[in-house]
Amino acid sequence: MVSASAKKRLVISTVEAGLCSARRACRYLSLSRSSWHYRERGGAGKKKLIERITTLSRKYPRYGYRRIRALLMREGWKVGRKLVQQVRRLEGIGVKGKKPRRRRGGTSTALPTTATEVNEVWSWDFVHTRTENGVPLKMLTLIDEYTRQCLAIRPQRSLKSGDILNALSEVMSVRGVPQHIRSDNGSEFIAREVQDWFGEIGIKTIYIEPGNPWQNGHVESFHNRLRDECLNQEDFLSVLEAQVIIEEWRLFYNRVHPHSKLGFQSPDQFANSNPRPEPNIRSGPHLVS
């Protein structure tokens, strides 16, 4: 798209060459005559002001006409908003809309599934807190959606895809391999390393839709209990203390917590009345180095 200023330069060169009149050139280039006469009415001072408006507008492309006018007035120019708007329009300068960020999502290998037996669907997610001296803690939480047992909570300063695969390996070596794992689209969960490993050992993935945490409602509900009964009740002096206290609470939750969805049995009581198959440890996953 040709800007108005470029069209005007073409009109000037055409008229100066004697090829046609200014009116005909403006009509041919779809340039309004007001735009053609615009700069001719200004003096040398106005020409400098227009150049300064153009310079500032190109230097700060995310600034609208109000901020450009404010900068001009700060420099001592007397300028109205209409002039700034008009110059920017003639020069084809405007604030472009922001491009929406495309969020990368994981590729589900199974349809959303409701757990009807042990080890059918596990859910995992992260929850965050801090120690008393402000050190951030990131915790991986892993639950069985059928028994509501918390299989693991791993508080660390940071967790990468290799760390969460090691945590999963340790749980699977005791409990067996789940059929499905449900999660959001966090970078650790959709990492190629994670998806390839799941494919090797036959775990199907269920990724929830972005912006719909209720689709992972089991783990979200568990996080509410974790915060209310543990994280909000404790002041952790160190990462090690947090690991010890949170693990004690996890065991208490599984053994004692009366769960309303389980007829007020604890998760362990419900699991004992619904035994799982013996885990195939020999063919199970190996620890990730």
Protein backbone atom coordinates (compact mmCIF):
# COMPACT_ATOMS: atom_id res chain seq x y z
CA MET A 1 0.00 0.00 0.00
CA VAL A 2 1.41 3.39 -1.10
CA SER A 3 1.36 6.07 1.62
CA ALA A 4 -0.13 9.51 1.03
CA SER A 5 3.31 11.13 1.29
CA ALA A 6 4.65 8.84 -1.46
CA LYS A 7 1.68 9.64 -3.65
CA LYS A 8 2.28 13.34 -3.08
CA ARG A 9 5.89 13.02 -4.17
CA LEU A 10 4.71 11.34 -7.36
CA VAL A 11 2.26 14.18 -7.99
CA ILE A 12 5.02 16.76 -7.48
CA SER A 13 7.39 15.03 -9.88
CA THR A 14 4.60 14.58 -12.44
CA VAL A 15 3.54 18.24 -12.31
CA GLU A 16 7.14 19.50 -12.38
CA ALA A 17 7.79 17.35 -15.46
CA GLY A 18 4.76 18.97 -17.16
CA LEU A 19 3.07 15.65 -17.81
CA CYS A 20 -0.33 16.68 -16.47
CA SER A 21 -2.05 18.98 -14.03
CA ALA A 22 -2.00 18.49 -10.28
CA ARG A 23 -5.75 17.83 -10.27
CA ARG A 24 -5.48 15.03 -12.83
CA ALA A 25 -2.45 13.48 -11.08
CA CYS A 26 -4.26 13.51 -7.73
CA ARG A 27 -7.32 11.88 -9.29
CA TYR A 28 -5.19 9.19 -10.97
CA LEU A 29 -3.34 8.37 -7.73
CA SER A 30 -6.50 8.60 -5.56
CA LEU A 31 -4.91 11.41 -3.52
CA SER A 32 -7.23 14.01 -2.05
CA ARG A 33 -6.50 17.59 -3.05
CA SER A 34 -6.46 18.56 0.63
CA SER A 35 -3.52 16.22 1.11
CA TRP A 36 -1.81 17.73 -1.94
CA HIS A 37 -2.14 21.26 -0.57
CA TYR A 38 -1.45 20.31 3.06
CA ARG A 39 2.27 21.09 3.34
CA GLU A 40 2.18 23.97 0.94
CA ARG A 41 0.32 26.08 3.50
CA GLY A 42 2.95 25.67 6.21
CA GLY A 43 6.11 27.66 6.70
CA ALA A 44 9.62 26.49 7.54
CA GLY A 45 8.75 26.08 11.24
CA LYS A 46 5.77 23.93 10.44
CA LYS A 47 7.84 21.84 8.07
CA LYS A 48 10.31 21.12 10.87
CA LEU A 49 7.43 20.26 13.21
CA ILE A 50 6.02 17.82 10.66
CA GLU A 51 9.43 16.23 10.23
CA ARG A 52 9.73 15.91 14.01
CA ILE A 53 6.28 14.29 14.25
CA THR A 54 7.31 11.79 11.60
CA THR A 55 10.67 11.10 13.24
CA LEU A 56 9.19 10.47 16.69
CA SER A 57 6.38 8.34 15.29
CA ARG A 58 8.85 6.07 13.51
CA LYS A 59 11.20 5.96 16.51
CA TYR A 60 8.38 4.89 18.86
CA PRO A 61 6.13 2.72 16.67
CA ARG A 62 4.04 1.52 19.66
CA TYR A 63 3.13 5.10 20.67
CA GLY A 64 -0.19 6.56 19.59
CA TYR A 65 -0.75 10.19 18.63
CA ARG A 66 -1.38 11.26 22.27
CA ARG A 67 2.04 10.10 23.47
CA ILE A 68 3.77 11.54 20.40
CA ARG A 69 2.09 14.90 21.09
CA ALA A 70 3.19 14.70 24.73
CA LEU A 71 6.81 14.16 23.65
CA LEU A 72 6.59 17.10 21.26
CA MET A 73 5.19 19.41 23.92
CA ARG A 74 7.93 18.25 26.29
CA GLU A 75 10.42 19.43 23.65
CA GLY A 76 8.70 22.82 23.51
CA TRP A 77 6.57 22.44 20.39
CA LYS A 78 3.07 23.93 20.32
CA VAL A 79 1.04 21.34 18.51
CA GLY A 80 -2.56 20.14 18.52
CA ARG A 81 -3.65 16.54 18.42
CA LYS A 82 -5.33 16.98 15.01
CA LEU A 83 -2.06 17.95 13.36
CA VAL A 84 -0.27 14.94 14.84
CA GLN A 85 -3.09 12.66 13.71
CA GLN A 86 -3.13 14.14 10.21
CA VAL A 87 0.62 13.88 9.70
CA ARG A 88 0.68 10.27 10.92
CA ARG A 89 -2.22 9.40 8.63
CA LEU A 90 -0.56 11.02 5.60
CA GLU A 91 2.70 9.21 6.34
CA GLY A 92 0.91 5.90 6.76
CA ILE A 93 1.99 5.62 10.39
CA GLY A 94 -0.23 3.86 12.91
CA VAL A 95 0.00 1.50 15.85
CA LYS A 96 -0.47 -2.02 14.54
CA GLY A 97 -2.57 -4.39 16.57
CA LYS A 98 -0.73 -6.99 18.60
CA LYS A 99 -0.59 -10.43 17.10
CA PRO A 100 -2.20 -13.02 19.37
CA ARG A 101 0.32 -15.41 20.84
CA ARG A 102 -0.08 -18.95 19.65
CA ARG A 103 0.07 -21.31 22.56
CA ARG A 104 1.68 -24.62 21.90
CA GLY A 105 -0.49 -27.52 22.97
CA GLY A 106 0.13 -31.19 23.53
CA THR A 107 -1.26 -33.87 21.21
CA SER A 108 -3.70 -36.15 23.01
CA THR A 109 -3.42 -39.82 22.10
CA ALA A 110 -6.73 -40.75 23.75
CA LEU A 111 -10.19 -39.27 24.21
CA PRO A 112 -11.17 -37.79 27.61
CA THR A 113 -11.74 -40.77 29.89
CA THR A 114 -13.45 -41.18 33.26
CA ALA A 115 -11.55 -43.57 35.52
CA THR A 116 -13.47 -46.73 36.44
CA GLU A 117 -10.58 -48.75 37.90
CA VAL A 118 -7.21 -48.41 39.55
CA ASN A 119 -4.39 -47.16 37.30
CA GLU A 120 -6.75 -46.28 34.50
CA VAL A 121 -6.21 -42.51 34.65
CA TRP A 122 -3.55 -40.58 36.54
CA SER A 123 -3.50 -36.80 36.70
CA TRP A 124 -0.53 -34.58 37.30
CA ASP A 125 0.08 -30.87 37.63
CA PHE A 126 2.20 -28.29 39.41
CA VAL A 127 1.47 -26.19 42.47
CA HIS A 128 3.67 -23.35 43.73
CA THR A 129 4.56 -21.90 47.13
CA ARG A 130 7.54 -20.28 48.90
CA THR A 131 9.70 -20.90 51.92
CA GLU A 132 9.64 -18.41 54.79
CA ASN A 133 12.67 -16.59 53.36
CA GLY A 134 11.10 -16.29 49.90
CA VAL A 135 12.66 -19.21 48.04
CA PRO A 136 10.14 -20.36 45.41
CA LEU A 137 9.02 -23.99 45.49
CA LYS A 138 7.57 -25.87 42.54
CA MET A 139 5.75 -29.09 43.35
CA LEU A 140 4.78 -31.91 41.03
CA THR A 141 1.60 -33.59 42.21
CA LEU A 142 0.41 -36.97 40.91
CA ILE A 143 -2.92 -38.62 41.76
CA ASP A 144 -4.92 -41.67 40.74
CA GLU A 145 -8.32 -40.36 39.61
CA TYR A 146 -10.16 -43.54 40.64
CA THR A 147 -8.87 -44.03 44.19
CA ARG A 148 -8.05 -40.30 44.72
CA GLN A 149 -4.71 -41.42 46.21
CA CYS A 150 -1.89 -38.92 45.99
CA LEU A 151 0.91 -40.97 44.46
CA ALA A 152 3.63 -38.34 44.76
CA ILE A 153 4.38 -34.74 45.68
CA ARG A 154 7.86 -33.55 44.71
CA PRO A 155 8.79 -30.08 46.01
CA GLN A 156 11.91 -28.62 44.39
CA ARG A 157 13.26 -25.20 43.50
CA SER A 158 12.81 -26.13 39.85
CA LEU A 159 11.56 -29.15 37.94
CA LYS A 160 12.37 -30.07 34.35
CA SER A 161 10.98 -32.78 32.10
CA GLY A 162 13.74 -35.21 33.17
CA ASP A 163 12.89 -34.65 36.85
CA ILE A 164 9.22 -35.43 36.37
CA LEU A 165 9.99 -38.54 34.34
CA ASN A 166 12.23 -39.79 37.15
CA ALA A 167 9.41 -39.16 39.63
CA LEU A 168 6.98 -41.09 37.42
CA SER A 169 9.44 -43.95 37.00
CA GLU A 170 9.77 -44.36 40.75
CA VAL A 171 6.00 -44.49 41.26
CA MET A 172 5.46 -46.86 38.34
CA SER A 173 8.14 -49.27 39.58
CA VAL A 174 5.96 -49.86 42.65
CA ARG A 175 2.44 -49.27 41.40
CA GLY A 176 2.58 -50.27 37.73
CA VAL A 177 2.04 -48.32 34.52
CA PRO A 178 -1.20 -46.34 34.09
CA GLN A 179 -3.31 -46.54 30.94
CA HIS A 180 -3.71 -42.76 30.65
CA ILE A 181 -2.19 -39.58 32.09
CA ARG A 182 -4.18 -36.35 32.12
CA SER A 183 -2.54 -32.91 32.30
CA ASP A 184 -2.68 -29.34 31.10
CA ASN A 185 -0.44 -28.00 28.34
CA GLY A 186 2.48 -26.95 30.52
CA SER A 187 5.83 -27.03 28.75
CA GLU A 188 7.11 -29.86 30.96
CA PHE A 189 4.09 -32.05 30.13
CA ILE A 190 4.11 -31.52 26.35
CA ALA A 191 7.89 -31.83 25.99
CA ARG A 192 8.95 -34.15 23.18
CA GLU A 193 11.03 -36.17 25.67
CA VAL A 194 7.93 -36.86 27.75
CA GLN A 195 5.66 -37.72 24.82
CA ASP A 196 8.24 -40.04 23.25
CA TRP A 197 8.76 -41.86 26.57
CA PHE A 198 5.00 -42.31 27.05
CA GLY A 199 4.78 -43.75 23.55
CA GLU A 200 7.54 -46.26 24.29
CA ILE A 201 5.85 -47.65 27.40
CA GLY A 202 2.28 -47.46 26.08
CA ILE A 203 0.79 -44.60 28.12
CA LYS A 204 -1.90 -42.58 26.34
CA THR A 205 -2.03 -38.85 26.99
CA ILE A 206 -5.10 -36.69 27.64
CA TYR A 207 -4.33 -32.95 27.39
CA ILE A 208 -7.04 -30.58 28.58
CA GLU A 209 -8.05 -27.57 26.51
CA PRO A 210 -6.10 -24.36 27.28
CA GLY A 211 -7.95 -22.13 29.73
CA ASN A 212 -10.17 -24.95 31.03
CA PRO A 213 -8.61 -26.16 34.31
CA TRP A 214 -11.94 -27.72 35.34
CA GLN A 215 -11.22 -30.47 32.78
CA ASN A 216 -8.49 -31.57 35.17
CA GLY A 217 -10.83 -31.21 38.12
CA HIS A 218 -9.52 -34.10 40.25
CA VAL A 219 -6.04 -32.63 40.60
CA GLU A 220 -7.39 -29.08 40.99
CA SER A 221 -9.60 -30.24 43.86
CA PHE A 222 -6.63 -31.99 45.42
CA HIS A 223 -4.60 -28.78 45.19
CA ASN A 224 -7.32 -26.98 47.16
CA ARG A 225 -6.95 -29.55 49.95
CA LEU A 226 -3.16 -29.36 49.81
CA ARG A 227 -3.18 -25.59 50.16
CA ASP A 228 -5.90 -25.43 52.81
CA GLU A 229 -4.63 -28.24 55.03
CA CYS A 230 -0.88 -27.99 54.55
CA LEU A 231 0.70 -25.15 52.58
CA ASN A 232 -1.34 -22.38 54.23
CA GLN A 233 -0.74 -23.85 57.70
CA GLU A 234 3.05 -24.15 57.55
CA ASP A 235 6.04 -21.82 57.31
CA PHE A 236 8.81 -23.77 55.62
CA LEU A 237 12.29 -22.75 56.74
CA SER A 238 14.01 -24.60 53.87
CA VAL A 239 13.35 -26.77 50.85
CA LEU A 240 14.32 -29.87 52.85
CA GLU A 241 11.86 -29.05 55.63
CA ALA A 242 9.14 -28.50 53.03
CA GLN A 243 9.85 -31.90 51.50
CA VAL A 244 9.59 -33.65 54.88
CA ILE A 245 6.41 -31.88 56.04
CA ILE A 246 4.62 -32.20 52.70
CA GLU A 247 5.43 -35.91 52.47
CA GLU A 248 4.06 -36.45 55.99
CA TRP A 249 0.86 -34.66 54.96
CA ARG A 250 0.61 -36.76 51.75
CA LEU A 251 0.71 -39.97 53.78
CA PHE A 252 -1.86 -38.58 56.23
CA TYR A 253 -4.13 -37.57 53.36
CA ASN A 254 -4.05 -41.03 51.83
CA ARG A 255 -4.53 -42.89 55.13
CA VAL A 256 -6.92 -40.65 57.07
CA HIS A 257 -8.60 -37.94 54.98
CA PRO A 258 -12.36 -38.72 54.68
CA HIS A 259 -13.10 -38.14 50.98
CA SER A 260 -16.69 -37.16 50.19
CA LYS A 261 -16.59 -38.74 46.71
CA LEU A 262 -15.48 -42.05 48.25
CA GLY A 263 -18.32 -42.28 50.77
CA PHE A 264 -16.04 -40.58 53.33
CA GLN A 265 -13.52 -43.38 53.17
CA SER A 266 -9.88 -42.41 53.00
CA PRO A 267 -8.19 -42.95 49.61
CA ASP A 268 -6.19 -45.87 51.01
CA GLN A 269 -9.33 -47.51 52.46
CA PHE A 270 -11.08 -47.22 49.10
CA ALA A 271 -8.03 -48.54 47.25
CA ASN A 272 -7.78 -51.56 49.58
CA SER A 273 -11.37 -52.48 48.76
CA ASN A 274 -10.56 -52.16 45.02
CA PRO A 275 -7.20 -53.93 44.66
CA ARG A 276 -5.08 -53.21 41.62
CA PRO A 277 -3.35 -55.83 39.45
CA GLU A 278 0.17 -56.77 40.43
CA PRO A 279 2.57 -54.32 38.76
CA ASN A 280 4.75 -55.75 36.02
CA ILE A 281 7.98 -54.35 37.45
CA ARG A 282 10.26 -56.41 35.22
CA SER A 283 8.89 -54.84 32.02
CA GLY A 284 8.19 -51.47 33.59
CA PRO A 285 9.95 -48.20 32.81
CA HIS A 286 13.51 -47.50 33.76
CA LEU A 287 14.74 -44.40 35.49
CA VAL A 288 15.52 -41.52 33.20
CA SER A 289 19.08 -40.31 33.47
